[in-house]
Amino acid sequence: MSNKFYITTPIYYVNDVPHIGHAYTTIAADVLARYHRLKGEAVFFLTGTDEHGQKVEKAAVARGLTPKAHADSMTINFQNLWKKLEISNDAFIRTTDKEHIAVVQELLQKLYDNGEIERRTYEGWYCTPDERFWTGKEIVDGKCPDCNRPVERITEDNYFFLMSRYQQRLIDHIEATHGFLRPESRRNEVLGFLKSQALGDLCISRPKARLSWGIELPFDRAFVTYVWFDALVNYFSATRYLSPSAAGSADPAVRQQFWWPSEHHLVGKDILTTHSVY
């Protein structure tokens, strides 16, 4: 719709305090939101915090706190900073919101019921800081190719989203949709990634025996969902319960239909692949 503008920042991880990179992205989003309000458009500007996963659990243990107590204390830092910088966000999402959790579980169940998720025994190299599995071909000298920290060998049962089915669909969409990824250099980077290798299926769970701090899988209570599946859904879930009323209605379904999809996601280059592919 041409009369609305929905813009998001990444949701920021609560394993540490805000830094200049968080401020840079949020100020850029604020400038765009204010510009579109001046044009008379309906604007929804969303930011927030990403609060599940191993890094958060580890940071909480180091402080002698529960993960939720740690997340509560760290989230305040972001909220106070945005007030100090006079950021004009319309909403602040937390992935520990019960409404967000409900949407994540709803989507997981739908994918599972549609045969898009299956359980497998998996063996691979795991980077705890990035919370990501890598193949033997991808690691470099026993280290994660992204963060250059040591990986560990893990064998366990997990659930996989059958993402390999969607490789060509992604390529076709990016090539056919002008401006879907900007700048052009980053669009080319993502297309190069998709065309140079087979897109594997995505591990979307972690056993509670290894990680308890996450959203429980609705179809298997012994597992929580992978933090990226939880986090990326925030842009969608927020339109249901945090967005402004739309078409004269506060009904969640009406609001979601009006605001989704977004006009603009601002992300850093370090999370480009995660957002534009996964």
Protein backbone atom coordinates (compact mmCIF):
# COMPACT_ATOMS: atom_id res chain seq x y z
CA MET A 1 0.00 0.00 0.00
CA SER A 2 1.41 3.39 -0.96
CA ASN A 3 -0.09 5.22 2.03
CA LYS A 4 1.73 3.21 4.69
CA PHE A 5 5.36 2.71 5.65
CA TYR A 6 6.49 -0.10 7.93
CA ILE A 7 10.18 0.03 8.87
CA THR A 8 12.20 -2.14 11.23
CA THR A 9 15.65 -2.27 12.77
CA PRO A 10 17.21 -5.60 13.63
CA ILE A 11 16.23 -6.70 17.10
CA TYR A 12 19.28 -6.33 19.30
CA TYR A 13 20.84 -9.18 21.24
CA VAL A 14 20.81 -8.80 25.04
CA ASN A 15 24.10 -10.53 25.79
CA ASP A 16 25.79 -7.12 26.12
CA VAL A 17 25.11 -3.37 26.39
CA PRO A 18 24.22 -1.14 23.41
CA HIS A 19 27.07 0.25 21.30
CA ILE A 20 27.46 2.77 18.48
CA GLY A 21 26.40 0.24 15.83
CA HIS A 22 23.01 -0.16 17.49
CA ALA A 23 22.60 3.61 17.59
CA TYR A 24 23.68 4.04 13.96
CA THR A 25 21.05 1.67 12.61
CA THR A 26 18.29 2.94 14.87
CA ILE A 27 18.96 6.61 14.04
CA ALA A 28 18.91 5.78 10.32
CA ALA A 29 15.52 4.09 10.77
CA ASP A 30 14.29 7.05 12.79
CA VAL A 31 15.19 9.48 10.00
CA LEU A 32 13.22 7.42 7.47
CA ALA A 33 10.23 7.06 9.80
CA ARG A 34 10.09 10.83 10.44
CA TYR A 35 10.38 11.56 6.71
CA HIS A 36 7.45 9.33 5.84
CA ARG A 37 5.33 10.81 8.64
CA LEU A 38 6.00 14.27 7.18
CA LYS A 39 4.69 12.94 3.86
CA GLY A 40 1.40 12.16 5.60
CA GLU A 41 1.79 8.37 5.48
CA ALA A 42 0.75 5.93 8.17
CA VAL A 43 4.04 4.81 9.75
CA PHE A 44 4.93 1.83 11.92
CA PHE A 45 8.52 1.99 13.20
CA LEU A 46 9.58 -1.13 15.12
CA THR A 47 12.69 -1.95 17.12
CA GLY A 48 13.32 -4.30 20.02
CA THR A 49 15.43 -7.01 21.59
CA ASP A 50 16.33 -10.62 20.78
CA GLU A 51 16.34 -12.48 24.09
CA HIS A 52 16.66 -16.24 23.60
CA GLY A 53 19.57 -18.55 22.79
CA GLN A 54 22.83 -19.89 24.15
CA LYS A 55 24.69 -16.58 24.26
CA VAL A 56 22.00 -15.05 26.48
CA GLU A 57 21.86 -18.12 28.69
CA LYS A 58 25.66 -18.08 29.05
CA ALA A 59 25.72 -14.35 29.86
CA ALA A 60 23.01 -14.86 32.48
CA VAL A 61 24.91 -17.70 34.16
CA ALA A 62 28.04 -15.53 34.30
CA ARG A 63 26.02 -12.87 36.18
CA GLY A 64 24.32 -15.35 38.50
CA LEU A 65 20.88 -14.54 37.06
CA THR A 66 18.11 -16.42 35.32
CA PRO A 67 18.03 -15.76 31.54
CA LYS A 68 14.78 -13.80 31.89
CA ALA A 69 16.13 -11.63 34.71
CA HIS A 70 19.26 -10.97 32.67
CA ALA A 71 17.18 -10.09 29.59
CA ASP A 72 14.97 -7.74 31.64
CA SER A 73 18.00 -5.86 32.96
CA MET A 74 19.66 -5.56 29.53
CA THR A 75 16.52 -4.54 27.65
CA ILE A 76 16.17 -1.46 29.85
CA ASN A 77 19.55 -0.23 28.51
CA PHE A 78 18.20 -0.17 24.96
CA GLN A 79 14.87 1.38 25.92
CA ASN A 80 16.57 4.14 27.93
CA LEU A 81 19.07 4.87 25.14
CA TRP A 82 16.31 5.29 22.55
CA LYS A 83 14.55 7.74 24.87
CA LYS A 84 17.77 9.68 25.36
CA LEU A 85 18.34 9.83 21.58
CA GLU A 86 14.67 10.79 21.05
CA ILE A 87 14.06 7.84 18.76
CA SER A 88 10.45 7.91 17.51
CA ASN A 89 9.78 4.16 17.40
CA ASP A 90 6.10 3.25 17.62
CA ALA A 91 6.74 -0.06 19.37
CA PHE A 92 9.43 -2.09 21.10
CA ILE A 93 9.21 -5.85 20.70
CA ARG A 94 10.76 -8.42 23.01
CA THR A 95 11.01 -12.02 21.89
CA THR A 96 9.94 -13.03 25.40
CA ASP A 97 6.55 -11.37 24.80
CA LYS A 98 3.84 -14.01 25.21
CA GLU A 99 2.15 -12.76 22.03
CA HIS A 100 5.35 -13.20 20.01
CA ILE A 101 5.89 -16.69 21.42
CA ALA A 102 2.35 -17.65 20.40
CA VAL A 103 2.95 -16.55 16.79
CA VAL A 104 6.27 -18.43 16.58
CA GLN A 105 4.64 -21.62 17.85
CA GLU A 106 1.71 -21.17 15.47
CA LEU A 107 4.06 -20.92 12.49
CA LEU A 108 6.14 -23.88 13.66
CA GLN A 109 3.04 -26.04 13.98
CA LYS A 110 1.78 -24.98 10.56
CA LEU A 111 5.11 -25.85 8.91
CA TYR A 112 5.23 -29.18 10.72
CA ASP A 113 1.64 -30.06 9.76
CA ASN A 114 2.42 -29.19 6.13
CA GLY A 115 5.41 -31.55 6.00
CA GLU A 116 7.99 -28.75 5.88
CA ILE A 117 9.80 -29.88 9.04
CA GLU A 118 11.31 -33.29 9.76
CA ARG A 119 13.40 -34.85 12.52
CA ARG A 120 16.89 -36.16 11.74
CA THR A 121 20.07 -37.23 13.50
CA TYR A 122 22.67 -34.62 12.69
CA GLU A 123 26.42 -34.54 13.08
CA GLY A 124 28.36 -31.38 12.41
CA TRP A 125 30.61 -28.59 13.62
CA TYR A 126 28.89 -26.13 15.94
CA CYS A 127 29.86 -22.54 16.75
CA THR A 128 28.37 -21.54 20.10
CA PRO A 129 28.89 -17.74 19.74
CA ASP A 130 27.09 -17.75 16.36
CA GLU A 131 24.71 -20.56 17.46
CA ARG A 132 25.16 -22.17 14.05
CA PHE A 133 26.18 -25.49 12.54
CA TRP A 134 28.84 -25.65 9.80
CA THR A 135 29.96 -28.40 7.44
CA GLY A 136 33.52 -29.70 7.34
CA LYS A 137 34.07 -27.85 4.06
CA GLU A 138 32.98 -24.54 5.57
CA ILE A 139 35.14 -24.40 8.71
CA VAL A 140 38.65 -22.96 8.44
CA ASP A 141 41.45 -24.52 10.51
CA GLY A 142 38.92 -25.79 13.04
CA LYS A 143 37.30 -22.39 13.38
CA CYS A 144 34.00 -20.76 12.46
CA PRO A 145 34.24 -19.02 9.07
CA ASP A 146 32.14 -16.09 10.39
CA CYS A 147 33.66 -15.25 13.77
CA ASN A 148 36.98 -17.18 13.60
CA ARG A 149 36.37 -18.85 16.96
CA PRO A 150 36.79 -22.60 17.63
CA VAL A 151 33.92 -24.96 16.75
CA GLU A 152 32.97 -28.23 18.45
CA ARG A 153 31.78 -31.54 17.03
CA ILE A 154 28.17 -32.34 17.95
CA THR A 155 25.95 -35.33 17.15
CA GLU A 156 22.29 -35.10 18.13
CA ASP A 157 18.69 -35.36 16.95
CA ASN A 158 17.15 -32.12 15.73
CA TYR A 159 14.33 -30.79 13.59
CA PHE A 160 15.01 -29.36 10.14
CA PHE A 161 13.05 -26.93 8.01
CA LEU A 162 13.26 -28.25 4.43
CA MET A 163 14.74 -25.07 3.08
CA SER A 164 16.49 -26.76 0.16
CA ARG A 165 13.11 -26.80 -1.59
CA TYR A 166 13.16 -23.01 -1.85
CA GLN A 167 16.56 -22.22 -3.38
CA GLN A 168 15.35 -21.48 -6.90
CA ARG A 169 12.28 -19.66 -5.60
CA LEU A 170 14.56 -17.30 -3.65
CA ILE A 171 16.79 -16.68 -6.67
CA ASP A 172 13.79 -15.99 -8.90
CA HIS A 173 12.25 -13.59 -6.38
CA ILE A 174 15.43 -11.59 -5.83
CA GLU A 175 16.10 -11.34 -9.58
CA ALA A 176 12.51 -10.37 -10.41
CA THR A 177 11.92 -7.86 -7.60
CA HIS A 178 13.74 -4.58 -8.21
CA GLY A 179 15.12 -3.07 -5.01
CA PHE A 180 14.36 -6.10 -2.87
CA LEU A 181 17.97 -6.06 -1.66
CA ARG A 182 19.99 -2.87 -1.55
CA PRO A 183 22.65 -1.76 -2.26
CA GLU A 184 23.29 -3.62 -5.53
CA SER A 185 26.59 -5.00 -4.25
CA ARG A 186 24.79 -6.80 -1.41
CA ARG A 187 22.12 -8.10 -3.81
CA ASN A 188 24.90 -9.58 -5.95
CA GLU A 189 26.52 -11.06 -2.85
CA VAL A 190 23.33 -12.89 -1.87
CA LEU A 191 22.68 -14.12 -5.42
CA GLY A 192 26.28 -15.34 -5.58
CA PHE A 193 25.75 -17.25 -2.35
CA LEU A 194 22.54 -18.86 -3.63
CA LYS A 195 23.95 -19.78 -7.04
CA SER A 196 27.34 -21.11 -5.95
CA GLN A 197 26.25 -23.88 -3.59
CA ALA A 198 23.34 -26.09 -2.66
CA LEU A 199 21.12 -24.51 -0.02
CA GLY A 200 20.88 -27.05 2.77
CA ASP A 201 17.97 -27.68 5.09
CA LEU A 202 17.95 -25.47 8.18
CA CYS A 203 18.30 -26.93 11.66
CA ILE A 204 15.59 -25.11 13.63
CA SER A 205 15.75 -26.79 17.04
CA ARG A 206 17.99 -27.35 20.00
CA PRO A 207 17.43 -30.16 22.55
CA LYS A 208 16.52 -28.87 25.99
CA ALA A 209 19.26 -31.06 27.40
CA ARG A 210 21.74 -28.64 25.79
CA LEU A 211 19.70 -25.43 25.76
CA SER A 212 16.60 -24.71 27.81
CA TRP A 213 16.30 -20.97 27.16
CA GLY A 214 14.11 -20.74 24.09
CA ILE A 215 10.60 -21.14 22.70
CA GLU A 216 9.36 -24.70 23.08
CA LEU A 217 8.47 -26.60 19.92
CA PRO A 218 4.69 -27.10 19.97
CA PHE A 219 5.03 -30.62 18.53
CA ASP A 220 7.93 -31.84 20.72
CA ARG A 221 8.39 -30.45 24.23
CA ALA A 222 11.91 -31.90 24.47
CA PHE A 223 13.18 -29.19 22.11
CA VAL A 224 13.27 -25.39 21.85
CA THR A 225 13.42 -23.52 18.59
CA TYR A 226 16.63 -22.19 17.07
CA VAL A 227 17.05 -18.56 18.06
CA TRP A 228 17.09 -17.27 14.46
CA PHE A 229 13.73 -18.86 13.67
CA ASP A 230 12.34 -17.12 16.74
CA ALA A 231 14.05 -13.78 16.08
CA LEU A 232 13.27 -13.36 12.37
CA VAL A 233 9.57 -13.91 13.02
CA ASN A 234 9.47 -10.71 15.11
CA TYR A 235 8.93 -8.48 12.07
CA PHE A 236 5.78 -10.46 11.27
CA SER A 237 4.48 -11.12 14.80
CA ALA A 238 4.69 -7.43 15.80
CA THR A 239 2.14 -6.48 13.13
CA ARG A 240 -0.41 -8.60 14.98
CA TYR A 241 -0.12 -7.14 18.48
CA LEU A 242 2.11 -4.04 18.50
CA SER A 243 1.17 -2.22 15.29
CA PRO A 244 -1.11 0.85 15.23
CA SER A 245 -4.78 0.30 14.48
CA ALA A 246 -5.50 0.01 10.77
CA ALA A 247 -8.58 0.75 8.65
CA GLY A 248 -10.32 1.99 11.78
CA SER A 249 -9.88 -1.38 13.50
CA ALA A 250 -7.73 -2.67 16.36
CA ASP A 251 -8.40 -6.28 15.33
CA PRO A 252 -5.06 -8.18 15.14
CA ALA A 253 -5.91 -9.80 11.80
CA VAL A 254 -6.84 -6.46 10.22
CA ARG A 255 -3.68 -4.81 11.53
CA GLN A 256 -1.49 -7.63 10.28
CA GLN A 257 -3.07 -7.58 6.84
CA PHE A 258 -2.59 -3.79 6.62
CA TRP A 259 1.00 -3.53 7.83
CA TRP A 260 2.60 -6.72 6.47
CA PRO A 261 4.91 -6.90 4.60
CA SER A 262 7.28 -4.13 5.58
CA GLU A 263 8.54 -1.49 3.18
CA HIS A 264 12.01 -1.47 4.68
CA HIS A 265 14.15 -3.72 6.90
CA LEU A 266 17.44 -2.12 7.95
CA VAL A 267 20.14 -4.71 8.75
CA GLY A 268 23.90 -4.78 9.14
CA LYS A 269 26.09 -6.61 6.63
CA ASP A 270 26.96 -9.25 9.25
CA ILE A 271 23.35 -10.51 9.25
CA LEU A 272 22.70 -10.01 5.53
CA THR A 273 22.53 -13.72 4.61
CA THR A 274 20.38 -14.60 7.59
CA HIS A 275 17.80 -11.95 6.73
CA SER A 276 17.83 -12.16 2.93
CA VAL A 277 17.98 -15.95 2.61
CA TYR A 278 16.92 -17.69 5.80
